[in-house]
Amino acid sequence: MKKILSIFAMMALLLALAACTSDKTDNKSNEKDSNKDAKKEEVTISFASWGLGTEEEQNLDRLMIKAFEEKYPHIKVQIDESINPADWNGSLAAAASGGTMPDVFMLAQLPMAISNDWLLDVSELASKDKDFANIPEAVQESAKFDGKLYAVPFAQHFLGFLVNKDLFNAANLDAPEYGISVDDFIKSIKDVTNVKAGVAGINHPFTFPDWYPAAANENLGWFTYNNGEFALDSKEFISAVNTAKDIWTNGYAYETLTDDQKANFKGENPEEVWLNGGVGLKWDGTWTTGHLNEQAGFEWDFIGIPGGRTAVTNDFVGISKSTKHPEEAFLFAKWMSFGKEGFLKRVDIADKEGKTLNSLPVNSDPEVLDAYFEVLDIPGVRTAYENLGNAIVEPVKTAPGYIPARWEAPTGVKVGDNANATTAALIDSFMKGELKAEDYVKQLDQLADQQVKEATEALNK
């Protein structure tokens, strides 16, 4: 028994010595880390964004900046108020000329920023970042030009339709769900419409030329745009504008009804009519889901676009080519956007401060998605994430020449009193039934391709 007690006593002594050694080691390690942090050079980076609101409002992005500075005390973030949201590109150009470019800034159009040589190539920084690898490939590629990565996806949204399920149930109809076919989708619009009873099948058909071709043919992109070319003379685009014409001219969309017909609905504007339950399917983006969750008095879901492809639109930030602190600027951009730790902190702050999450996660890490869906559990949005492998990206902010191709380029075609209508006006004339699409789509396709070609060549100079 004495031997056993002696052994136990020896073991206790050894454990105590080990614990003391461990404590000393931990203390030395903590002291070393503390000294390391203390030795880090204090830097200041500037940030310009149109989404920061006012200092008094303290919106979610401003709170995220404060959390970043707490996490990285050696980095201070200065909000650049000189970049005017009413003239974003003009303000950035003035800042570039004056040598006062923000280190990190929101991008209205990526091609313009590239052509002005504002942007740092962040390919190397991104390639070393494991969180960046969790950004959908289609989104990563949209921020590249000539193989170089010039922007960081800052916020992510899905485009598509929201459905008022109660309206369909009241009419003994099956409510459309994510992945519905194009034909069944159009049928559902017509079946639920009852203008005399104050019910329209859809809010408007204006976006049909954008989403319809990609829903009907997986080889086509947004507004048919794919790999730098359009297919506006395709049967899918012609079907898109002719289907929109059917919806527009036959009274299935609230916004194209006559004033007398609108008098049957509850609400002074399209948003009120939707929230009052007068529209079966509404075109919108997922940025509205938090608001809808609070405002809608009916059961609803997000169903995306017919066919099941996920339509993605992103906000982007760039890092200035003139920044003196590229690594810190990238770290900040990551925290505010695609970083796992940053987004989890965003969810936590939103919960504690009663703020609405108005952006989807850019990072598709399962833990990030679970945290988001604990706050806003929308079945259709979950399905959209599952289908990101076949996503299409709206190219408005990223494709050279896209904006004139879709809206601004003069066509030389007379529409109404306009002898030289823009591309947007010409497409509207197809949907209104004023002109026949088949007579002009080849010309429209050539013009759109020309806009992209010229803009791309200008970037390469």
Protein backbone atom coordinates (compact mmCIF):
# COMPACT_ATOMS: atom_id res chain seq x y z
CA MET A 1 0.00 0.00 0.00
CA LYS A 2 2.89 2.37 0.81
CA LYS A 3 4.39 1.67 -2.61
CA ILE A 4 1.09 2.47 -4.32
CA LEU A 5 0.70 5.73 -2.39
CA SER A 6 4.27 6.64 -3.28
CA ILE A 7 3.59 6.07 -6.97
CA PHE A 8 0.45 8.26 -6.84
CA ALA A 9 2.39 10.99 -5.06
CA MET A 10 5.10 10.88 -7.74
CA MET A 11 2.49 11.06 -10.53
CA ALA A 12 0.81 14.07 -8.90
CA LEU A 13 4.17 15.84 -8.67
CA LEU A 14 4.94 15.17 -12.32
CA LEU A 15 1.50 16.46 -13.40
CA ALA A 16 1.96 19.62 -11.37
CA LEU A 17 5.37 20.23 -12.91
CA ALA A 18 3.93 19.65 -16.40
CA ALA A 19 1.11 22.10 -15.72
CA CYS A 20 3.57 24.75 -14.54
CA THR A 21 5.71 24.21 -17.61
CA SER A 22 2.63 24.43 -19.84
CA ASP A 23 1.51 27.65 -18.15
CA LYS A 24 4.96 29.17 -18.62
CA THR A 25 4.97 28.09 -22.27
CA ASP A 26 1.47 29.50 -22.87
CA ASN A 27 2.39 32.74 -21.13
CA LYS A 28 5.51 33.05 -23.26
CA SER A 29 3.47 32.28 -26.39
CA ASN A 30 0.82 34.86 -25.48
CA GLU A 31 3.53 37.38 -24.63
CA LYS A 32 5.20 36.66 -27.99
CA ASP A 33 1.89 37.10 -29.88
CA SER A 34 1.20 40.31 -27.97
CA ASN A 35 4.63 41.67 -28.81
CA LYS A 36 4.13 40.64 -32.43
CA ASP A 37 0.83 42.58 -32.62
CA ALA A 38 2.43 45.53 -30.90
CA LYS A 39 5.22 45.58 -33.47
CA LYS A 40 2.81 45.67 -36.44
CA GLU A 41 2.98 48.93 -38.27
CA GLU A 42 -0.14 51.03 -37.83
CA VAL A 43 -1.68 51.79 -41.20
CA THR A 44 -4.70 53.71 -42.41
CA ILE A 45 -6.70 52.70 -45.46
CA SER A 46 -9.51 54.71 -47.01
CA PHE A 47 -12.83 53.29 -48.16
CA ALA A 48 -15.49 54.78 -50.44
CA SER A 49 -18.95 53.25 -50.72
CA TRP A 50 -22.40 54.44 -51.67
CA GLY A 51 -23.93 52.09 -49.07
CA LEU A 52 -22.64 53.53 -45.81
CA GLY A 53 -25.50 55.85 -44.96
CA THR A 54 -24.74 58.52 -42.37
CA GLU A 55 -22.67 58.45 -39.20
CA GLU A 56 -25.86 58.94 -37.20
CA GLU A 57 -27.59 55.95 -38.83
CA GLN A 58 -24.77 53.52 -38.03
CA ASN A 59 -25.90 51.00 -40.61
CA LEU A 60 -24.60 47.46 -40.82
CA ASP A 61 -21.58 48.29 -43.00
CA ARG A 62 -20.41 51.01 -40.61
CA LEU A 63 -20.73 48.59 -37.71
CA MET A 64 -18.73 46.05 -39.71
CA ILE A 65 -15.95 48.61 -40.15
CA LYS A 66 -15.80 49.15 -36.40
CA ALA A 67 -15.66 45.38 -35.85
CA PHE A 68 -12.80 45.13 -38.36
CA GLU A 69 -10.81 47.78 -36.49
CA GLU A 70 -11.37 45.88 -33.24
CA LYS A 71 -10.20 42.66 -34.87
CA TYR A 72 -7.17 44.33 -36.47
CA PRO A 73 -6.25 47.24 -34.16
CA HIS A 74 -3.21 48.18 -36.25
CA ILE A 75 -5.47 48.99 -39.25
CA LYS A 76 -7.61 52.10 -39.24
CA VAL A 77 -10.33 52.57 -41.86
CA GLN A 78 -11.06 56.11 -42.97
CA ILE A 79 -14.37 56.60 -44.76
CA ASP A 80 -13.84 58.74 -47.85
CA GLU A 81 -16.82 61.06 -48.11
CA SER A 82 -15.44 62.91 -51.15
CA ILE A 83 -16.70 60.34 -53.67
CA ASN A 84 -20.17 61.55 -54.62
CA PRO A 85 -22.79 58.81 -55.14
CA ALA A 86 -24.58 61.08 -57.63
CA ASP A 87 -21.44 61.12 -59.83
CA TRP A 88 -19.49 58.09 -58.71
CA ASN A 89 -17.24 57.61 -61.73
CA GLY A 90 -16.66 61.33 -62.13
CA SER A 91 -15.67 61.67 -58.47
CA LEU A 92 -13.29 58.71 -58.74
CA ALA A 93 -11.73 60.21 -61.86
CA ALA A 94 -11.16 63.50 -60.03
CA ALA A 95 -9.63 61.63 -57.09
CA ALA A 96 -7.31 59.72 -59.42
CA SER A 97 -6.18 62.93 -61.10
CA GLY A 98 -5.56 64.57 -57.73
CA GLY A 99 -3.66 61.62 -56.27
CA THR A 100 -6.31 61.01 -53.60
CA MET A 101 -7.75 57.72 -54.79
CA PRO A 102 -9.39 55.65 -52.00
CA ASP A 103 -7.57 52.43 -51.18
CA VAL A 104 -10.79 50.41 -51.49
CA PHE A 105 -13.86 51.59 -53.38
CA MET A 106 -17.14 50.37 -54.79
CA LEU A 107 -17.23 49.86 -58.56
CA ALA A 108 -20.09 51.12 -60.68
CA GLN A 109 -18.64 49.53 -63.83
CA LEU A 110 -15.56 47.34 -63.88
CA PRO A 111 -14.58 48.03 -67.54
CA MET A 112 -14.45 51.79 -66.95
CA ALA A 113 -12.23 51.34 -63.91
CA ILE A 114 -9.90 49.04 -65.88
CA SER A 115 -9.72 51.43 -68.83
CA ASN A 116 -8.77 54.28 -66.47
CA ASP A 117 -6.03 52.13 -64.91
CA TRP A 118 -7.46 52.56 -61.41
CA LEU A 119 -7.28 48.95 -60.27
CA LEU A 120 -4.71 46.71 -58.68
CA ASP A 121 -4.47 43.16 -60.03
CA VAL A 122 -5.33 41.08 -56.96
CA SER A 123 -4.89 37.68 -58.61
CA GLU A 124 -1.96 36.67 -56.41
CA LEU A 125 -3.62 37.78 -53.18
CA ALA A 126 -6.81 35.93 -54.08
CA SER A 127 -5.01 32.74 -55.13
CA LYS A 128 -3.56 32.38 -51.63
CA ASP A 129 -6.92 32.88 -49.91
CA LYS A 130 -8.96 29.77 -49.07
CA ASP A 131 -12.18 31.77 -48.61
CA PHE A 132 -11.89 33.20 -52.10
CA ALA A 133 -12.01 29.66 -53.46
CA ASN A 134 -15.56 29.36 -52.06
CA ILE A 135 -16.86 32.11 -54.34
CA PRO A 136 -18.86 30.61 -57.24
CA GLU A 137 -16.65 30.18 -60.30
CA ALA A 138 -19.00 32.16 -62.54
CA VAL A 139 -18.74 35.12 -60.16
CA GLN A 140 -14.94 34.88 -59.97
CA GLU A 141 -14.66 34.82 -63.75
CA SER A 142 -16.93 37.85 -64.14
CA ALA A 143 -14.39 39.97 -62.23
CA LYS A 144 -11.48 39.01 -64.52
CA PHE A 145 -10.16 40.65 -67.65
CA ASP A 146 -7.39 39.18 -69.76
CA GLY A 147 -6.87 36.51 -67.12
CA LYS A 148 -6.29 39.01 -64.31
CA LEU A 149 -8.55 39.55 -61.30
CA TYR A 150 -9.37 43.22 -60.86
CA ALA A 151 -12.27 43.21 -58.41
CA VAL A 152 -13.57 41.53 -55.27
CA PRO A 153 -17.25 40.47 -55.16
CA PHE A 154 -18.60 42.63 -52.35
CA ALA A 155 -22.26 41.68 -52.09
CA GLN A 156 -24.32 38.99 -53.77
CA HIS A 157 -27.93 38.92 -54.84
CA PHE A 158 -30.08 36.57 -56.89
CA LEU A 159 -32.48 37.87 -59.50
CA GLY A 160 -35.84 36.32 -60.23
CA PHE A 161 -39.47 36.10 -59.25
CA LEU A 162 -41.18 36.18 -55.89
CA VAL A 163 -44.47 34.33 -55.66
CA ASN A 164 -47.54 35.14 -53.57
CA LYS A 165 -48.49 31.57 -52.71
CA ASP A 166 -51.75 32.61 -51.06
CA LEU A 167 -53.10 34.04 -54.32
CA PHE A 168 -52.54 30.78 -56.16
CA ASN A 169 -53.97 28.70 -53.32
CA ALA A 170 -57.08 30.91 -53.21
CA ALA A 171 -57.60 30.26 -56.93
CA ASN A 172 -57.09 26.48 -56.44
CA LEU A 173 -53.89 26.64 -58.46
CA ASP A 174 -50.48 25.16 -57.73
CA ALA A 175 -48.10 27.96 -56.85
CA PRO A 176 -45.01 28.07 -59.09
CA GLU A 177 -41.85 26.68 -57.53
CA TYR A 178 -38.13 26.96 -58.22
CA GLY A 179 -37.29 25.11 -61.44
CA ILE A 180 -40.71 25.53 -63.10
CA SER A 181 -40.57 25.26 -66.90
CA VAL A 182 -40.91 28.37 -69.04
CA ASP A 183 -44.22 27.18 -70.53
CA ASP A 184 -45.73 26.34 -67.13
CA PHE A 185 -44.53 29.66 -65.76
CA ILE A 186 -46.31 31.62 -68.50
CA LYS A 187 -49.43 29.52 -67.97
CA SER A 188 -49.38 30.27 -64.24
CA ILE A 189 -49.29 34.01 -64.96
CA LYS A 190 -52.38 33.77 -67.14
CA ASP A 191 -54.27 31.34 -64.91
CA VAL A 192 -54.07 33.46 -61.75
CA THR A 193 -54.90 36.78 -63.45
CA ASN A 194 -58.31 38.25 -62.63
CA VAL A 195 -58.16 41.99 -63.31
CA LYS A 196 -61.77 42.63 -62.32
CA ALA A 197 -61.03 41.08 -58.92
CA GLY A 198 -57.82 43.11 -58.56
CA VAL A 199 -55.34 40.33 -59.33
CA ALA A 200 -52.57 40.52 -61.96
CA GLY A 201 -50.44 37.53 -62.80
CA ILE A 202 -47.16 39.47 -62.86
CA ASN A 203 -45.94 42.95 -61.98
CA HIS A 204 -44.37 43.63 -65.42
CA PRO A 205 -42.79 41.84 -68.43
CA PHE A 206 -39.93 44.31 -68.98
CA THR A 207 -37.14 41.86 -68.07
CA PHE A 208 -38.22 39.03 -70.36
CA PRO A 209 -35.53 39.87 -72.96
CA ASP A 210 -32.91 39.52 -70.23
CA TRP A 211 -33.75 36.24 -68.44
CA TYR A 212 -35.95 34.33 -70.90
CA PRO A 213 -33.30 33.28 -73.48
CA ALA A 214 -31.04 31.78 -70.78
CA ALA A 215 -34.02 29.98 -69.22
CA ALA A 216 -34.98 28.49 -72.57
CA ASN A 217 -31.46 27.54 -73.68
CA GLU A 218 -28.62 26.77 -71.26
CA ASN A 219 -26.07 27.74 -73.92
CA LEU A 220 -27.24 31.34 -73.76
CA GLY A 221 -26.48 33.90 -71.08
CA TRP A 222 -28.15 37.01 -69.75
CA PHE A 223 -29.72 38.93 -72.66
CA THR A 224 -28.22 36.05 -74.71
CA TYR A 225 -24.67 37.31 -73.88
CA ASN A 226 -22.13 34.49 -73.63
CA ASN A 227 -18.36 34.43 -74.16
CA GLY A 228 -18.28 37.97 -75.47
CA GLU A 229 -21.04 37.58 -78.05
CA PHE A 230 -24.79 38.03 -78.30
CA ALA A 231 -27.41 35.86 -79.99
CA LEU A 232 -30.19 38.39 -80.37
CA ASP A 233 -31.25 36.86 -83.68
CA SER A 234 -31.90 33.52 -81.94
CA LYS A 235 -35.33 31.93 -81.72
CA GLU A 236 -35.09 32.19 -77.90
CA PHE A 237 -34.72 35.98 -77.97
CA ILE A 238 -37.53 36.35 -80.49
CA SER A 239 -39.72 34.15 -78.29
CA ALA A 240 -38.77 36.27 -75.26
CA VAL A 241 -39.96 39.57 -76.72
CA ASN A 242 -43.05 38.02 -78.32
CA THR A 243 -44.05 36.36 -75.02
CA ALA A 244 -43.55 39.69 -73.28
CA LYS A 245 -45.79 41.27 -75.93
CA ASP A 246 -48.50 38.73 -75.15
CA ILE A 247 -48.26 39.53 -71.42
CA TRP A 248 -48.07 43.29 -72.03
CA THR A 249 -50.88 43.72 -74.52
CA ASN A 250 -53.36 41.21 -73.09
CA GLY A 251 -53.65 42.54 -69.56
CA TYR A 252 -51.66 40.01 -67.53
CA ALA A 253 -49.20 42.53 -65.97
CA TYR A 254 -50.22 45.20 -63.46
CA GLU A 255 -47.83 47.92 -64.63
CA THR A 256 -49.04 47.77 -68.23
CA LEU A 257 -52.76 47.93 -67.40
CA THR A 258 -54.86 50.98 -68.19
CA ASP A 259 -55.73 53.43 -65.41
CA ASP A 260 -59.31 52.16 -65.41
CA GLN A 261 -58.09 48.60 -64.91
CA LYS A 262 -55.68 49.65 -62.14
CA ALA A 263 -58.61 51.16 -60.26
CA ASN A 264 -59.62 47.58 -59.35
CA PHE A 265 -56.42 47.13 -57.30
CA LYS A 266 -55.52 48.13 -53.76
CA GLY A 267 -52.56 50.47 -53.69
CA GLU A 268 -51.22 53.70 -55.11
CA ASN A 269 -48.12 52.20 -56.73
CA PRO A 270 -46.83 48.79 -57.87
CA GLU A 271 -45.09 48.03 -54.56
CA GLU A 272 -48.22 48.73 -52.55
CA VAL A 273 -50.31 46.61 -54.91
CA TRP A 274 -47.84 43.74 -54.47
CA LEU A 275 -47.77 44.04 -50.67
CA ASN A 276 -51.57 44.25 -50.62
CA GLY A 277 -51.79 40.91 -52.40
CA GLY A 278 -52.70 42.06 -55.91
CA VAL A 279 -49.84 40.44 -57.88
CA GLY A 280 -49.09 36.75 -58.24
CA LEU A 281 -45.46 36.96 -59.39
CA LYS A 282 -43.12 39.87 -58.88
CA TRP A 283 -39.75 40.40 -60.58
CA ASP A 284 -37.18 41.54 -58.03
CA GLY A 285 -33.91 40.64 -56.32
CA THR A 286 -33.14 38.91 -53.05
CA TRP A 287 -32.17 42.28 -51.53
CA THR A 288 -35.89 42.72 -50.88
CA THR A 289 -36.40 39.49 -48.94
CA GLY A 290 -35.62 40.98 -45.52
CA HIS A 291 -38.07 43.81 -46.15
CA LEU A 292 -40.68 41.40 -47.48
CA ASN A 293 -40.29 39.13 -44.49
CA GLU A 294 -41.34 42.05 -42.30
CA GLN A 295 -43.97 43.67 -44.56
CA ALA A 296 -45.85 40.93 -46.43
CA GLY A 297 -49.09 39.64 -44.98
CA PHE A 298 -49.09 36.54 -47.16
CA GLU A 299 -47.07 33.36 -47.66
CA TRP A 300 -44.39 33.85 -50.29
CA ASP A 301 -41.23 32.31 -51.72
CA PHE A 302 -38.40 33.14 -54.11
CA ILE A 303 -38.51 31.00 -57.27
CA GLY A 304 -35.74 32.59 -59.35
CA ILE A 305 -36.12 32.33 -63.11
CA PRO A 306 -37.88 29.46 -64.91
CA GLY A 307 -35.67 26.52 -65.79
CA GLY A 308 -33.80 26.43 -62.48
CA ARG A 309 -30.65 28.37 -63.37
CA THR A 310 -29.49 30.75 -60.66
CA ALA A 311 -29.29 34.34 -61.87
CA VAL A 312 -26.61 36.22 -59.93
CA THR A 313 -25.88 39.91 -59.67
CA ASN A 314 -23.01 41.27 -57.61
CA ASP A 315 -21.63 44.48 -56.26
CA PHE A 316 -17.85 44.74 -56.56
CA VAL A 317 -15.06 46.63 -54.85
CA GLY A 318 -11.71 47.49 -56.34
CA ILE A 319 -8.37 48.11 -54.68
CA SER A 320 -6.53 51.14 -55.94
CA LYS A 321 -3.41 50.56 -57.99
CA SER A 322 -1.82 53.41 -56.02
CA THR A 323 -2.49 51.95 -52.57
CA LYS A 324 0.50 51.71 -50.25
CA HIS A 325 -1.10 48.89 -48.29
CA PRO A 326 -2.38 46.23 -50.73
CA GLU A 327 -2.45 43.35 -48.22
CA GLU A 328 -4.37 45.34 -45.61
CA ALA A 329 -6.74 46.66 -48.29
CA PHE A 330 -7.43 43.10 -49.49
CA LEU A 331 -7.92 41.92 -45.90
CA PHE A 332 -10.49 44.67 -45.35
CA ALA A 333 -12.28 43.94 -48.63
CA LYS A 334 -12.41 40.27 -47.63
CA TRP A 335 -13.82 41.08 -44.17
CA MET A 336 -16.58 43.19 -45.68
CA SER A 337 -17.50 40.70 -48.39
CA PHE A 338 -16.49 37.09 -49.02
CA GLY A 339 -14.58 36.25 -45.83
CA LYS A 340 -16.14 33.55 -43.67
CA GLU A 341 -15.21 35.20 -40.39
CA GLY A 342 -16.45 38.57 -41.62
CA PHE A 343 -19.83 37.30 -42.77
CA LEU A 344 -20.41 35.38 -39.54
CA LYS A 345 -19.64 38.60 -37.70
CA ARG A 346 -22.09 40.44 -39.97
CA VAL A 347 -24.86 37.98 -39.03
CA ASP A 348 -23.99 38.37 -35.34
CA ILE A 349 -24.04 42.18 -35.49
CA ALA A 350 -27.31 42.19 -37.44
CA ASP A 351 -28.89 39.99 -34.79
CA LYS A 352 -27.63 42.02 -31.83
CA GLU A 353 -28.35 45.44 -33.35
CA GLY A 354 -31.66 44.61 -35.03
CA LYS A 355 -30.31 45.26 -38.53
CA THR A 356 -31.63 43.59 -41.69
CA LEU A 357 -29.29 41.37 -43.71
CA ASN A 358 -29.70 42.81 -47.21
CA SER A 359 -27.08 40.71 -48.98
CA LEU A 360 -26.64 37.01 -49.55
CA PRO A 361 -23.35 35.35 -48.63
CA VAL A 362 -20.72 35.57 -51.38
CA ASN A 363 -18.96 32.65 -49.72
CA SER A 364 -20.74 29.31 -50.20
CA ASP A 365 -19.14 27.66 -47.15
CA PRO A 366 -21.82 25.48 -45.44
CA GLU A 367 -21.30 27.16 -42.05
CA VAL A 368 -21.80 30.58 -43.63
CA LEU A 369 -24.96 29.47 -45.42
CA ASP A 370 -26.37 27.85 -42.28
CA ALA A 371 -25.81 31.08 -40.34
CA TYR A 372 -27.61 33.08 -43.02
CA PHE A 373 -30.57 30.71 -43.26
CA GLU A 374 -31.04 30.75 -39.52
CA VAL A 375 -32.00 34.39 -40.01
CA LEU A 376 -33.82 34.25 -43.36
CA ASP A 377 -34.86 30.70 -44.23
CA ILE A 378 -36.30 31.02 -47.73
CA PRO A 379 -36.65 27.64 -49.51
CA GLY A 380 -36.17 29.04 -53.01
CA VAL A 381 -32.97 30.83 -52.04
CA ARG A 382 -31.58 27.59 -50.60
CA THR A 383 -32.34 25.87 -53.90
CA ALA A 384 -30.68 28.71 -55.80
CA TYR A 385 -27.47 28.09 -53.85
CA GLU A 386 -27.64 24.40 -54.67
CA ASN A 387 -27.75 25.33 -58.37
CA LEU A 388 -24.86 27.80 -58.39
CA GLY A 389 -22.82 25.42 -60.50
CA ASN A 390 -25.02 26.40 -63.45
CA ALA A 391 -25.32 30.08 -62.57
CA ILE A 392 -25.61 32.96 -64.99
CA VAL A 393 -24.22 36.35 -64.01
CA GLU A 394 -25.89 39.59 -64.97
CA PRO A 395 -23.06 41.34 -66.88
CA VAL A 396 -24.12 44.97 -66.42
CA LYS A 397 -21.16 45.87 -64.17
CA THR A 398 -18.55 43.59 -65.72
CA ALA A 399 -18.87 43.14 -69.51
CA PRO A 400 -17.24 45.76 -71.77
CA GLY A 401 -19.81 47.40 -74.05
CA TYR A 402 -22.79 45.71 -72.44
CA ILE A 403 -24.59 48.87 -71.31
CA PRO A 404 -24.72 50.50 -74.79
CA ALA A 405 -25.54 47.11 -76.34
CA ARG A 406 -28.54 46.64 -74.05
CA TRP A 407 -29.78 50.20 -73.62
CA GLU A 408 -27.93 53.15 -75.11
CA ALA A 409 -26.61 52.51 -78.62
CA PRO A 410 -28.47 54.33 -81.43
CA THR A 411 -30.00 51.86 -83.87
CA GLY A 412 -30.96 54.08 -86.81
CA VAL A 413 -34.50 52.69 -86.57
CA LYS A 414 -37.52 54.99 -86.28
CA VAL A 415 -39.70 54.28 -83.25
CA GLY A 416 -42.64 56.64 -82.84
CA ASP A 417 -41.35 60.19 -83.11
CA ASN A 418 -37.76 59.12 -82.54
CA ALA A 419 -35.94 58.72 -85.85
CA ASN A 420 -32.93 57.08 -84.23
CA ALA A 421 -34.16 54.95 -81.34
CA THR A 422 -31.81 53.40 -78.80
CA THR A 423 -31.53 49.63 -78.40
CA ALA A 424 -33.74 49.79 -75.30
CA ALA A 425 -36.44 51.76 -77.13
CA LEU A 426 -36.35 49.35 -80.05
CA ILE A 427 -36.75 46.32 -77.77
CA ASP A 428 -39.61 48.03 -75.95
CA SER A 429 -41.31 48.58 -79.30
CA PHE A 430 -41.19 44.82 -79.91
CA MET A 431 -42.85 44.13 -76.56
CA LYS A 432 -45.49 46.79 -77.11
CA GLY A 433 -46.32 45.31 -80.52
CA GLU A 434 -45.33 48.47 -82.39
CA LEU A 435 -42.60 46.79 -84.46
CA LYS A 436 -42.02 43.16 -85.36
CA ALA A 437 -38.94 41.66 -83.72
CA GLU A 438 -38.18 39.31 -86.59
CA ASP A 439 -37.58 42.29 -88.90
CA TYR A 440 -34.85 43.85 -86.76
CA VAL A 441 -33.13 41.27 -84.56
CA LYS A 442 -30.28 40.52 -86.98
CA GLN A 443 -29.44 44.21 -87.16
CA LEU A 444 -29.76 44.47 -83.38
CA ASP A 445 -27.45 41.49 -82.86
CA GLN A 446 -24.76 42.94 -85.13
CA LEU A 447 -24.96 46.29 -83.35
CA ALA A 448 -24.65 44.68 -79.91
CA ASP A 449 -21.63 42.60 -80.96
CA GLN A 450 -20.03 45.73 -82.36
CA GLN A 451 -20.43 47.57 -79.05
CA VAL A 452 -18.70 44.76 -77.16
CA LYS A 453 -15.93 44.43 -79.74
CA GLU A 454 -15.13 48.15 -79.71
CA ALA A 455 -15.19 48.36 -75.92
CA THR A 456 -12.95 45.29 -75.55
CA GLU A 457 -10.46 46.60 -78.10
CA ALA A 458 -10.33 49.93 -76.26
CA LEU A 459 -9.43 48.09 -73.04
CA ASN A 460 -6.65 46.20 -74.75
CA LYS A 461 -4.94 49.36 -76.00
